[in-house]
C-alpha atoms as a PDB file:
ATOM      1  CA  MET A   1      -9.840  -7.296  -3.928  1.00  0.00           C
ATOM      2  CA  LYS A   2      -8.221  -7.373  -0.799  1.00  0.00           C
ATOM      3  CA  ALA A   3      -8.185 -11.716   0.047  1.00  0.00           C
ATOM      4  CA  LEU A   4      -6.935 -11.668  -3.642  1.00  0.00           C
ATOM      5  CA  ALA A   5      -3.771  -9.739  -3.386  1.00  0.00           C
ATOM      6  CA  TRP A   6      -3.808 -11.192  -0.224  1.00  0.00           C
ATOM      7  CA  ALA A   7      -3.205 -14.502  -1.505  1.00  0.00           C
ATOM      8  CA  GLY A   8      -0.607 -13.695  -4.269  1.00  0.00           C
ATOM      9  CA  ILE A   9      -3.241 -14.086  -7.465  1.00  0.00           C
ATOM     10  CA  SER A  10      -3.604 -10.811  -8.228  1.00  0.00           C
ATOM     11  CA  PRO A  11      -0.801  -9.848 -10.535  1.00  0.00           C
ATOM     12  CA  GLY A  12       0.802  -5.819 -10.467  1.00  0.00           C
ATOM     13  CA  HIS A  13      -0.610  -5.151  -6.740  1.00  0.00           C
ATOM     14  CA  VAL A  14       0.855  -5.650  -3.259  1.00  0.00           C
ATOM     15  CA  LEU A  15      -0.655  -5.165   0.146  1.00  0.00           C
ATOM     16  CA  VAL A  16       0.441  -2.438   2.175  1.00  0.00           C
ATOM     17  CA  GLU A  17       0.526  -2.796   5.941  1.00  0.00           C
ATOM     18  CA  THR A  18       0.348   0.843   8.012  1.00  0.00           C
ATOM     19  CA  GLN A  19      -0.475   2.208  11.837  1.00  0.00           C
ATOM     20  CA  GLY A  20      -2.774   4.426  11.521  1.00  0.00           C
ATOM     21  CA  ARG A  21      -1.579   7.629  12.271  1.00  0.00           C
ATOM     22  CA  ARG A  22      -4.144   9.089  15.052  1.00  0.00           C
ATOM     23  CA  THR A  23      -5.585   5.359  15.929  1.00  0.00           C
ATOM     24  CA  GLY A  24      -2.482   4.151  15.993  1.00  0.00           C
ATOM     25  CA  LYS A  25      -4.176   0.712  14.518  1.00  0.00           C
ATOM     26  CA  ARG A  26      -2.876  -1.610  11.707  1.00  0.00           C
ATOM     27  CA  ARG A  27      -4.055  -0.716   8.289  1.00  0.00           C
ATOM     28  CA  ARG A  28      -4.270  -2.670   5.454  1.00  0.00           C
ATOM     29  CA  ASN A  29      -4.496  -1.646   1.228  1.00  0.00           C
ATOM     30  CA  VAL A  30      -4.098  -3.419  -1.812  1.00  0.00           C
ATOM     31  CA  VAL A  31      -2.096  -0.893  -4.110  1.00  0.00           C
ATOM     32  CA  GLY A  32      -0.449  -0.701  -7.440  1.00  0.00           C
ATOM     33  CA  MET A  33       2.704  -1.731  -8.600  1.00  0.00           C
ATOM     34  CA  LYS A  34       4.784  -2.416 -11.188  1.00  0.00           C
ATOM     35  CA  ALA A  35       8.483  -4.045 -10.811  1.00  0.00           C
ATOM     36  CA  THR A  36      11.387  -3.257 -13.238  1.00  0.00           C
ATOM     37  CA  GLY A  37      14.282  -5.194 -12.478  1.00  0.00           C
ATOM     38  CA  ASP A  38      15.220  -5.122  -8.727  1.00  0.00           C
ATOM     39  CA  THR A  39      13.236  -1.743  -8.468  1.00  0.00           C
ATOM     40  CA  GLY A  40       9.264  -2.098  -7.363  1.00  0.00           C
ATOM     41  CA  TRP A  41       7.150   1.415  -7.812  1.00  0.00           C
ATOM     42  CA  VAL A  42       4.224   1.647  -5.989  1.00  0.00           C
ATOM     43  CA  VAL A  43       1.579   4.126  -6.969  1.00  0.00           C
ATOM     44  CA  ALA A  44      -0.394   5.766  -4.756  1.00  0.00           C
ATOM     45  CA  GLU A  45      -3.986   6.642  -7.345  1.00  0.00           C
ATOM     46  CA  HIS A  46      -4.196  10.743  -5.133  1.00  0.00           C
ATOM     47  CA  GLY A  47      -0.815  11.113  -4.697  1.00  0.00           C
ATOM     48  CA  LEU A  48      -0.011  13.048  -1.488  1.00  0.00           C
ATOM     49  CA  HIS A  49      -3.621  12.535   0.164  1.00  0.00           C
ATOM     50  CA  SER A  50      -3.935   8.970  -0.034  1.00  0.00           C
ATOM     51  CA  GLY A  51      -4.466   8.019   3.140  1.00  0.00           C
ATOM     52  CA  TRP A  52      -2.008   4.943   3.628  1.00  0.00           C
ATOM     53  CA  VAL A  53       0.782   7.386   2.045  1.00  0.00           C
ATOM     54  CA  ARG A  54       0.041  10.475   5.205  1.00  0.00           C
ATOM     55  CA  ASN A  55      -0.017   7.251   7.463  1.00  0.00           C
ATOM     56  CA  ILE A  56       3.459   6.337   6.046  1.00  0.00           C
ATOM     57  CA  GLU A  57       4.380   9.797   6.155  1.00  0.00           C
ATOM     58  CA  ALA A  58       3.578   9.720   9.691  1.00  0.00           C
ATOM     59  CA  HIS A  59       5.153   6.390  10.465  1.00  0.00           C
ATOM     60  CA  PRO A  60       7.811   5.461   8.785  1.00  0.00           C
END
């Protein structure tokens, strides 16, 4: 799935890259996305418990 999103083949998904909140390592996650006009909505399946969301909170 990550390879498909990276290549732009998987519609409705985007690749989000974050910095690990504890390790500092680069992390990549494929997440759901919905575009409406000029606005894009990214969906966190597990809400604030998602690791990538917590990484963004730690390193905006």
